[in-house]
Amino acid sequence: MGLEPAAMCGSQPEDIIKAIYGHVKNDYKFDPEEPLSDKSEYYKSDPLLSDQAFCLVYVVDANTVSNTYESLTDKLRIIRTRCSENGIPQVIVMTKVDLACPLVSKDLRKIYTSKKIREKMQMCSDNIGVPMNHIFPVKNYSEEIDTDDDVDVLILKALDQIVNLANDRLRDADRLRDAASN
């Protein structure tokens, strides 16, 4: 279950935020009508550092960026704002770019020179609020039998940046924890 445009469909932003901060115990079933309460047996009041997320990754289909519902965008903004307040880095992995742009479909190496892809990235940035340098366009493996270096480079670059951002956030959390204990 993910985020859905309708108000009471999919996971609620507060539940996602609680999961990011490690307050949700295993086996909790997300309920779109009733968010997790701090009185629930599935609520962790004092999560460990290892229970928390250090980077939030939005996966967005390049073909649906312009059709994003305002109510869904509002939910994403709530999540983004709460995560930003606590310094959690956020990235967007924009998928299916080859289907969104004929130029990129013919030559994946033109991904960063494509005006259409740049427009889609800008729409993501505007709608969700993640800066352009944290948006990574990638091509999905969908019909290929063999791997392709051009596809792999994009995916690995996105993964590398996600890991680097998460490591930076973890170091910051360690420094804050050490400063608080001294």
C-alpha atoms as a PDB file:
ATOM      1  CA  MET A   1       0.000   0.000   0.000  1.00  0.00           C
ATOM      2  CA  GLY A   2       1.421   3.353  -0.958  1.00  0.00           C
ATOM      3  CA  LEU A   3       0.215   6.896  -1.134  1.00  0.00           C
ATOM      4  CA  GLU A   4      -2.981   7.372  -3.056  1.00  0.00           C
ATOM      5  CA  PRO A   5      -4.532  10.654  -4.222  1.00  0.00           C
ATOM      6  CA  ALA A   6      -7.772  10.257  -2.253  1.00  0.00           C
ATOM      7  CA  ALA A   7      -7.742  11.470   1.344  1.00  0.00           C
ATOM      8  CA  MET A   8      -8.487   8.145   3.015  1.00  0.00           C
ATOM      9  CA  CYS A   9      -6.758   5.812   0.566  1.00  0.00           C
ATOM     10  CA  GLY A  10      -3.336   4.290   0.918  1.00  0.00           C
ATOM     11  CA  SER A  11      -1.012   5.052   3.780  1.00  0.00           C
ATOM     12  CA  GLN A  12      -1.460   8.292   5.659  1.00  0.00           C
ATOM     13  CA  PRO A  13       1.459  10.758   5.746  1.00  0.00           C
ATOM     14  CA  GLU A  14       1.686  10.551   9.551  1.00  0.00           C
ATOM     15  CA  ASP A  15       2.140   6.772   9.394  1.00  0.00           C
ATOM     16  CA  ILE A  16       4.884   7.125   6.792  1.00  0.00           C
ATOM     17  CA  ILE A  17       6.613   9.762   8.917  1.00  0.00           C
ATOM     18  CA  LYS A  18       6.392   7.499  11.981  1.00  0.00           C
ATOM     19  CA  ALA A  19       7.894   4.643   9.945  1.00  0.00           C
ATOM     20  CA  ILE A  20      10.755   6.866   8.744  1.00  0.00           C
ATOM     21  CA  TYR A  21      11.572   7.797  12.352  1.00  0.00           C
ATOM     22  CA  GLY A  22      11.421   4.161  13.478  1.00  0.00           C
ATOM     23  CA  HIS A  23       8.257   4.357  15.565  1.00  0.00           C
ATOM     24  CA  VAL A  24       6.495   1.487  13.753  1.00  0.00           C
ATOM     25  CA  LYS A  25       7.049  -2.066  15.002  1.00  0.00           C
ATOM     26  CA  ASN A  26       7.212  -5.076  12.699  1.00  0.00           C
ATOM     27  CA  ASP A  27       3.914  -6.663  11.688  1.00  0.00           C
ATOM     28  CA  TYR A  28       1.959  -3.402  11.900  1.00  0.00           C
ATOM     29  CA  LYS A  29      -0.760  -3.277   9.253  1.00  0.00           C
ATOM     30  CA  PHE A  30      -1.172   0.259   7.926  1.00  0.00           C
ATOM     31  CA  ASP A  31      -4.778   1.382   8.131  1.00  0.00           C
ATOM     32  CA  PRO A  32      -5.831   4.207   5.778  1.00  0.00           C
ATOM     33  CA  GLU A  33      -8.693   5.162   8.085  1.00  0.00           C
ATOM     34  CA  GLU A  34      -6.813   5.250  11.374  1.00  0.00           C
ATOM     35  CA  PRO A  35      -3.151   6.284  11.677  1.00  0.00           C
ATOM     36  CA  LEU A  36      -0.906   4.566  14.203  1.00  0.00           C
ATOM     37  CA  SER A  37      -1.410   5.964  17.701  1.00  0.00           C
ATOM     38  CA  ASP A  38       1.350   6.344  20.273  1.00  0.00           C
ATOM     39  CA  LYS A  39      -0.853   4.218  22.534  1.00  0.00           C
ATOM     40  CA  SER A  40      -0.820   1.264  20.112  1.00  0.00           C
ATOM     41  CA  GLU A  41       1.135  -1.912  20.862  1.00  0.00           C
ATOM     42  CA  TYR A  42       2.815  -1.396  17.449  1.00  0.00           C
ATOM     43  CA  TYR A  43       4.219   2.031  18.371  1.00  0.00           C
ATOM     44  CA  LYS A  44       7.883   2.284  19.438  1.00  0.00           C
ATOM     45  CA  SER A  45       8.236   5.290  21.680  1.00  0.00           C
ATOM     46  CA  ASP A  46      12.043   5.233  21.762  1.00  0.00           C
ATOM     47  CA  PRO A  47      13.348   3.781  18.474  1.00  0.00           C
ATOM     48  CA  LEU A  48      16.983   2.838  18.056  1.00  0.00           C
ATOM     49  CA  LEU A  49      19.121   4.627  15.514  1.00  0.00           C
ATOM     50  CA  SER A  50      19.098   1.411  13.461  1.00  0.00           C
ATOM     51  CA  ASP A  51      15.273   1.571  13.261  1.00  0.00           C
ATOM     52  CA  GLN A  52      15.336   4.944  11.519  1.00  0.00           C
ATOM     53  CA  ALA A  53      15.683   5.889   7.855  1.00  0.00           C
ATOM     54  CA  PHE A  54      18.614   8.036   6.773  1.00  0.00           C
ATOM     55  CA  CYS A  55      17.443   8.909   3.289  1.00  0.00           C
ATOM     56  CA  LEU A  56      13.953   9.120   1.855  1.00  0.00           C
ATOM     57  CA  VAL A  57      13.661   7.961  -1.745  1.00  0.00           C
ATOM     58  CA  TYR A  58      10.608   8.823  -3.817  1.00  0.00           C
ATOM     59  CA  VAL A  59      10.180   6.637  -6.896  1.00  0.00           C
ATOM     60  CA  VAL A  60       8.234   8.531  -9.551  1.00  0.00           C
ATOM     61  CA  ASP A  61       7.242   7.380 -13.025  1.00  0.00           C
ATOM     62  CA  ALA A  62       8.360  10.037 -15.540  1.00  0.00           C
ATOM     63  CA  ASN A  63       5.139   9.529 -17.492  1.00  0.00           C
ATOM     64  CA  THR A  64       2.899  10.406 -14.547  1.00  0.00           C
ATOM     65  CA  VAL A  65       4.763  13.460 -13.236  1.00  0.00           C
ATOM     66  CA  SER A  66       2.492  15.937 -14.984  1.00  0.00           C
ATOM     67  CA  ASN A  67      -0.628  14.000 -13.922  1.00  0.00           C
ATOM     68  CA  THR A  68       0.143  14.027 -10.199  1.00  0.00           C
ATOM     69  CA  TYR A  69      -2.983  14.820  -8.235  1.00  0.00           C
ATOM     70  CA  GLU A  70      -2.915  17.878  -5.997  1.00  0.00           C
ATOM     71  CA  SER A  71      -4.045  15.834  -2.983  1.00  0.00           C
ATOM     72  CA  LEU A  72      -1.152  13.398  -3.525  1.00  0.00           C
ATOM     73  CA  THR A  73       1.274  16.294  -3.930  1.00  0.00           C
ATOM     74  CA  ASP A  74      -0.026  17.709  -0.644  1.00  0.00           C
ATOM     75  CA  LYS A  75       0.670  14.389   1.100  1.00  0.00           C
ATOM     76  CA  LEU A  76       4.182  14.302  -0.339  1.00  0.00           C
ATOM     77  CA  ARG A  77       4.828  17.881   0.783  1.00  0.00           C
ATOM     78  CA  ILE A  78       3.771  17.018   4.345  1.00  0.00           C
ATOM     79  CA  ILE A  79       6.216  14.128   4.403  1.00  0.00           C
ATOM     80  CA  ARG A  80       8.988  16.168   2.760  1.00  0.00           C
ATOM     81  CA  THR A  81       8.574  19.071   5.167  1.00  0.00           C
ATOM     82  CA  ARG A  82       8.659  16.871   8.276  1.00  0.00           C
ATOM     83  CA  CYS A  83      11.720  14.997   7.017  1.00  0.00           C
ATOM     84  CA  SER A  84      13.482  18.218   6.031  1.00  0.00           C
ATOM     85  CA  GLU A  85      12.905  19.666   9.498  1.00  0.00           C
ATOM     86  CA  ASN A  86      15.001  16.829  10.891  1.00  0.00           C
ATOM     87  CA  GLY A  87      17.666  16.855   8.210  1.00  0.00           C
ATOM     88  CA  ILE A  88      16.713  13.646   6.440  1.00  0.00           C
ATOM     89  CA  PRO A  89      17.975  13.882   2.861  1.00  0.00           C
ATOM     90  CA  GLN A  90      15.488  13.155   0.111  1.00  0.00           C
ATOM     91  CA  VAL A  91      15.920  12.069  -3.484  1.00  0.00           C
ATOM     92  CA  ILE A  92      13.665  11.237  -6.375  1.00  0.00           C
ATOM     93  CA  VAL A  93      14.401   8.306  -8.642  1.00  0.00           C
ATOM     94  CA  MET A  94      12.501   9.153 -11.813  1.00  0.00           C
ATOM     95  CA  THR A  95      11.834   5.925 -13.695  1.00  0.00           C
ATOM     96  CA  LYS A  96      10.826   5.005 -17.251  1.00  0.00           C
ATOM     97  CA  VAL A  97      12.583   7.995 -18.807  1.00  0.00           C
ATOM     98  CA  ASP A  98      12.980   6.109 -22.084  1.00  0.00           C
ATOM     99  CA  LEU A  99       9.192   5.990 -22.422  1.00  0.00           C
ATOM    100  CA  ALA A 100       8.866   9.685 -21.625  1.00  0.00           C
ATOM    101  CA  CYS A 101      11.273  10.929 -24.294  1.00  0.00           C
ATOM    102  CA  PRO A 102      11.863   9.551 -27.812  1.00  0.00           C
ATOM    103  CA  LEU A 103      15.389  11.027 -27.912  1.00  0.00           C
ATOM    104  CA  VAL A 104      16.371   9.183 -24.737  1.00  0.00           C
ATOM    105  CA  SER A 105      14.650   6.036 -25.973  1.00  0.00           C
ATOM    106  CA  LYS A 106      17.002   6.007 -28.967  1.00  0.00           C
ATOM    107  CA  ASP A 107      20.137   7.010 -27.042  1.00  0.00           C
ATOM    108  CA  LEU A 108      20.160   6.801 -23.253  1.00  0.00           C
ATOM    109  CA  ARG A 109      23.365   8.839 -23.133  1.00  0.00           C
ATOM    110  CA  LYS A 110      21.310  11.912 -24.099  1.00  0.00           C
ATOM    111  CA  ILE A 111      19.390  11.747 -20.837  1.00  0.00           C
ATOM    112  CA  TYR A 112      20.948  14.892 -19.356  1.00  0.00           C
ATOM    113  CA  THR A 113      20.662  16.882 -22.584  1.00  0.00           C
ATOM    114  CA  SER A 114      17.009  16.059 -23.205  1.00  0.00           C
ATOM    115  CA  LYS A 115      14.722  19.067 -22.720  1.00  0.00           C
ATOM    116  CA  LYS A 116      11.770  16.770 -22.097  1.00  0.00           C
ATOM    117  CA  ILE A 117      13.550  14.909 -19.284  1.00  0.00           C
ATOM    118  CA  ARG A 118      14.738  18.206 -17.793  1.00  0.00           C
ATOM    119  CA  GLU A 119      11.118  19.460 -17.822  1.00  0.00           C
ATOM    120  CA  LYS A 120       9.974  16.264 -16.070  1.00  0.00           C
ATOM    121  CA  MET A 121      12.730  16.679 -13.473  1.00  0.00           C
ATOM    122  CA  GLN A 122      11.696  20.298 -12.928  1.00  0.00           C
ATOM    123  CA  MET A 123       8.053  19.228 -12.483  1.00  0.00           C
ATOM    124  CA  CYS A 124       9.164  16.698  -9.858  1.00  0.00           C
ATOM    125  CA  SER A 125      11.178  19.357  -8.107  1.00  0.00           C
ATOM    126  CA  ASP A 126       8.295  21.842  -8.188  1.00  0.00           C
ATOM    127  CA  ASN A 127       5.626  19.317  -7.127  1.00  0.00           C
ATOM    128  CA  ILE A 128       7.502  17.535  -4.364  1.00  0.00           C
ATOM    129  CA  GLY A 129      10.099  20.133  -3.388  1.00  0.00           C
ATOM    130  CA  VAL A 130      13.227  18.050  -3.849  1.00  0.00           C
ATOM    131  CA  PRO A 131      16.089  20.002  -5.460  1.00  0.00           C
ATOM    132  CA  MET A 132      17.053  19.201  -9.056  1.00  0.00           C
ATOM    133  CA  ASN A 133      20.456  17.827  -8.032  1.00  0.00           C
ATOM    134  CA  HIS A 134      18.674  15.166  -5.975  1.00  0.00           C
ATOM    135  CA  ILE A 135      16.571  13.879  -8.872  1.00  0.00           C
ATOM    136  CA  PHE A 136      17.973  10.889 -10.725  1.00  0.00           C
ATOM    137  CA  PRO A 137      16.446   9.797 -14.023  1.00  0.00           C
ATOM    138  CA  VAL A 138      16.804   6.073 -14.715  1.00  0.00           C
ATOM    139  CA  LYS A 139      15.645   3.567 -17.284  1.00  0.00           C
ATOM    140  CA  ASN A 140      13.896   0.461 -16.031  1.00  0.00           C
ATOM    141  CA  TYR A 141      14.891  -2.991 -17.147  1.00  0.00           C
ATOM    142  CA  SER A 142      11.615  -4.282 -18.513  1.00  0.00           C
ATOM    143  CA  GLU A 143      12.089  -6.261 -21.705  1.00  0.00           C
ATOM    144  CA  GLU A 144      15.864  -6.739 -21.783  1.00  0.00           C
ATOM    145  CA  ILE A 145      17.440 -10.130 -21.350  1.00  0.00           C
ATOM    146  CA  ASP A 146      21.000  -8.870 -20.906  1.00  0.00           C
ATOM    147  CA  THR A 147      22.303  -6.000 -18.850  1.00  0.00           C
ATOM    148  CA  ASP A 148      23.223  -2.711 -20.502  1.00  0.00           C
ATOM    149  CA  ASP A 149      26.092  -0.543 -19.251  1.00  0.00           C
ATOM    150  CA  ASP A 150      24.255   2.710 -20.030  1.00  0.00           C
ATOM    151  CA  VAL A 151      21.249   1.599 -17.953  1.00  0.00           C
ATOM    152  CA  ASP A 152      23.471   0.306 -15.165  1.00  0.00           C
ATOM    153  CA  VAL A 153      25.465   3.549 -14.926  1.00  0.00           C
ATOM    154  CA  LEU A 154      22.320   5.584 -14.290  1.00  0.00           C
ATOM    155  CA  ILE A 155      21.002   3.159 -11.686  1.00  0.00           C
ATOM    156  CA  LEU A 156      24.366   2.865  -9.942  1.00  0.00           C
ATOM    157  CA  LYS A 157      24.861   6.642  -9.918  1.00  0.00           C
ATOM    158  CA  ALA A 158      21.483   7.071  -8.226  1.00  0.00           C
ATOM    159  CA  LEU A 159      22.303   4.332  -5.714  1.00  0.00           C
ATOM    160  CA  ASP A 160      25.746   5.828  -5.028  1.00  0.00           C
ATOM    161  CA  GLN A 161      24.236   9.238  -4.276  1.00  0.00           C
ATOM    162  CA  ILE A 162      21.556   7.707  -2.046  1.00  0.00           C
ATOM    163  CA  VAL A 163      24.172   5.800  -0.046  1.00  0.00           C
ATOM    164  CA  ASN A 164      26.396   8.895   0.269  1.00  0.00           C
ATOM    165  CA  LEU A 165      23.490  11.036   1.480  1.00  0.00           C
ATOM    166  CA  ALA A 166      22.404   8.353   3.953  1.00  0.00           C
ATOM    167  CA  ASN A 167      25.973   8.015   5.270  1.00  0.00           C
ATOM    168  CA  ASP A 168      26.205  11.780   5.746  1.00  0.00           C
ATOM    169  CA  ARG A 169      22.917  11.747   7.663  1.00  0.00           C
ATOM    170  CA  LEU A 170      24.100   8.830   9.822  1.00  0.00           C
ATOM    171  CA  ARG A 171      27.321  10.700  10.663  1.00  0.00           C
ATOM    172  CA  ASP A 172      25.261  13.761  11.615  1.00  0.00           C
ATOM    173  CA  ALA A 173      23.000  11.630  13.826  1.00  0.00           C
ATOM    174  CA  ASP A 174      26.063  10.084  15.506  1.00  0.00           C
ATOM    175  CA  ARG A 175      27.546  13.539  16.155  1.00  0.00           C
ATOM    176  CA  LEU A 176      24.278  14.783  17.657  1.00  0.00           C
ATOM    177  CA  ARG A 177      23.989  11.698  19.845  1.00  0.00           C
ATOM    178  CA  ASP A 178      27.590  12.039  21.019  1.00  0.00           C
ATOM    179  CA  ALA A 179      27.136  15.747  21.741  1.00  0.00           C
ATOM    180  CA  ALA A 180      23.973  15.045  23.737  1.00  0.00           C
ATOM    181  CA  SER A 181      25.709  12.375  25.849  1.00  0.00           C
ATOM    182  CA  ASN A 182      28.660  14.665  26.712  1.00  0.00           C
END
